[in-house]
Amino acid sequence: MVTADELKPGMHAKISALTPSPQEDRLIAMGCVPGTLIKLEFTAPAGDPMAFNVEGYLLGLRKSEAKLLIVEPTDTPSHG
């Protein structure tokens, strides 16, 4: 199991599940649903927050939030 906080900049992944948490509904509302392709664009110098390309828009997540996204790394480019 890999979570989105473990991705390196430039890596693509597909969200396979979300860890149940109080933030789950908020993440879903922001487009983080199973089957969605994401790409880690960059992280802040200290590694937190992280910026992901999700469905063509840039989504900033705290590392603790990215840890809730269970992903499958892929070579398939996301949007951009």
Protein backbone atom coordinates (compact mmCIF):
# COMPACT_ATOMS: atom_id res chain seq x y z
CA MET A 1 0.00 0.00 0.00
CA VAL A 2 1.35 3.40 -1.03
CA THR A 3 -0.10 6.73 0.04
CA ALA A 4 0.06 10.00 -1.88
CA ASP A 5 2.47 11.55 0.63
CA GLU A 6 5.08 8.98 -0.50
CA LEU A 7 5.07 10.16 -4.13
CA LYS A 8 8.00 12.14 -5.50
CA PRO A 9 7.53 15.28 -7.64
CA GLY A 10 6.59 14.34 -11.20
CA MET A 11 5.15 10.95 -10.22
CA HIS A 12 1.70 9.95 -11.48
CA ALA A 13 -0.72 7.75 -9.57
CA LYS A 14 -4.31 6.59 -9.52
CA ILE A 15 -6.32 6.97 -6.32
CA SER A 16 -7.50 3.50 -5.31
CA ALA A 17 -9.14 4.32 -1.94
CA LEU A 18 -9.40 6.85 0.85
CA THR A 19 -8.61 6.04 4.45
CA PRO A 20 -11.74 6.64 6.55
CA SER A 21 -11.27 9.89 8.46
CA PRO A 22 -13.03 13.14 9.38
CA GLN A 23 -11.41 14.71 6.25
CA GLU A 24 -12.80 12.06 3.86
CA ASP A 25 -15.87 14.05 2.73
CA ARG A 26 -13.76 17.16 2.17
CA LEU A 27 -11.23 15.24 0.05
CA ILE A 28 -14.03 13.71 -2.03
CA ALA A 29 -15.55 17.17 -2.57
CA MET A 30 -12.16 18.34 -3.89
CA GLY A 31 -12.11 15.55 -6.48
CA CYS A 32 -10.05 12.93 -4.64
CA VAL A 33 -12.15 9.90 -5.52
CA PRO A 34 -11.11 6.34 -6.41
CA GLY A 35 -10.12 6.05 -10.07
CA THR A 36 -8.88 9.64 -10.37
CA LEU A 37 -5.42 10.17 -11.84
CA ILE A 38 -3.18 12.56 -9.91
CA LYS A 39 0.35 13.89 -10.29
CA LEU A 40 2.53 15.34 -7.57
CA GLU A 41 3.69 18.65 -9.03
CA PHE A 42 5.84 19.89 -6.15
CA THR A 43 6.23 20.10 -2.41
CA ALA A 44 7.18 22.99 -0.17
CA PRO A 45 10.86 23.04 0.85
CA ALA A 46 10.09 21.31 4.15
CA GLY A 47 7.89 18.74 2.35
CA ASP A 48 4.60 20.14 3.59
CA PRO A 49 2.25 21.16 1.97
CA MET A 50 2.17 19.19 -1.29
CA ALA A 51 0.65 20.32 -4.61
CA PHE A 52 -1.14 17.75 -6.77
CA ASN A 53 -2.61 18.04 -10.26
CA VAL A 54 -6.13 16.59 -9.86
CA GLU A 55 -8.44 16.65 -12.89
CA GLY A 56 -6.51 19.57 -14.37
CA TYR A 57 -6.37 21.82 -11.31
CA LEU A 58 -3.72 22.32 -8.66
CA LEU A 59 -4.74 21.03 -5.23
CA GLY A 60 -2.67 21.81 -2.16
CA LEU A 61 -2.81 19.22 0.61
CA ARG A 62 -1.08 18.93 3.93
CA LYS A 63 1.14 15.88 4.16
CA SER A 64 -1.25 14.46 6.77
CA GLU A 65 -4.13 14.78 4.24
CA ALA A 66 -2.12 13.25 1.38
CA LYS A 67 -1.41 10.30 3.67
CA LEU A 68 -5.16 9.52 3.59
CA LEU A 69 -5.08 8.88 -0.19
CA ILE A 70 -4.18 5.29 -1.03
CA VAL A 71 -2.71 5.31 -4.54
CA GLU A 72 -1.26 3.06 -7.22
CA PRO A 73 1.77 4.67 -8.90
CA THR A 74 1.46 4.60 -12.68
CA ASP A 75 3.33 5.71 -15.78
CA THR A 76 0.09 7.11 -17.21
CA PRO A 77 0.27 10.90 -17.39
CA SER A 78 -2.51 12.76 -15.65
CA HIS A 79 -3.79 16.13 -16.89
CA GLY A 80 -0.71 18.00 -17.98
